[in-house]
Amino acid sequence: MQAYCFKCRSKREIKNAQHVTLKNGRPATRGVCPVCGTKVFRIGKK
């Protein structure tokens, strides 16, 4: 799965991906950018 990294300004594969659920019940994925190590986050899709 990919997410947009704001530091690299491009889409990157999510490293150490964790599936989480938001307060409103929507699924999301959290992880880090493999290039720069910045946190990335994507709402939707598991």
Protein backbone atom coordinates (compact mmCIF):
# COMPACT_ATOMS: atom_id res chain seq x y z
CA MET A 1 0.00 0.00 0.00
CA GLN A 2 1.18 3.51 -0.75
CA ALA A 3 0.72 6.83 1.00
CA TYR A 4 1.81 10.37 0.17
CA CYS A 5 4.95 11.52 2.00
CA PHE A 6 4.88 15.29 2.52
CA LYS A 7 8.63 15.51 3.12
CA CYS A 8 9.59 13.59 -0.08
CA ARG A 9 6.62 15.07 -1.97
CA SER A 10 5.80 11.75 -3.64
CA LYS A 11 3.92 8.50 -3.05
CA ARG A 12 5.88 5.85 -1.15
CA GLU A 13 5.24 2.32 0.05
CA ILE A 14 4.24 2.26 3.73
CA LYS A 15 6.87 0.64 5.95
CA ASN A 16 5.79 -0.94 9.28
CA ALA A 17 2.12 -0.56 8.27
CA GLN A 18 -0.44 -0.74 11.08
CA HIS A 19 -4.18 -0.93 10.47
CA VAL A 20 -6.07 1.42 12.77
CA THR A 21 -9.68 2.55 13.17
CA LEU A 22 -10.55 6.23 13.46
CA LYS A 23 -12.99 7.58 16.05
CA ASN A 24 -15.77 7.66 13.45
CA GLY A 25 -15.19 3.98 12.59
CA ARG A 26 -13.39 4.43 9.26
CA PRO A 27 -10.36 2.22 8.57
CA ALA A 28 -6.92 3.77 8.10
CA THR A 29 -3.28 2.73 7.75
CA ARG A 30 -0.36 4.28 9.62
CA GLY A 31 3.36 3.76 9.05
CA VAL A 32 6.64 5.42 8.07
CA CYS A 33 8.27 6.47 4.82
CA PRO A 34 11.07 4.02 3.89
CA VAL A 35 13.21 6.82 2.40
CA CYS A 36 13.12 9.64 4.98
CA GLY A 37 11.47 8.02 8.03
CA THR A 38 8.61 10.54 8.25
CA LYS A 39 5.24 9.29 9.53
CA VAL A 40 2.70 8.66 6.75
CA PHE A 41 -1.04 8.08 7.08
CA ARG A 42 -3.73 6.90 4.69
CA ILE A 43 -7.47 6.89 5.35
CA GLY A 44 -9.51 4.06 3.86
CA LYS A 45 -8.55 0.67 2.44
CA LYS A 46 -7.08 -2.09 4.54
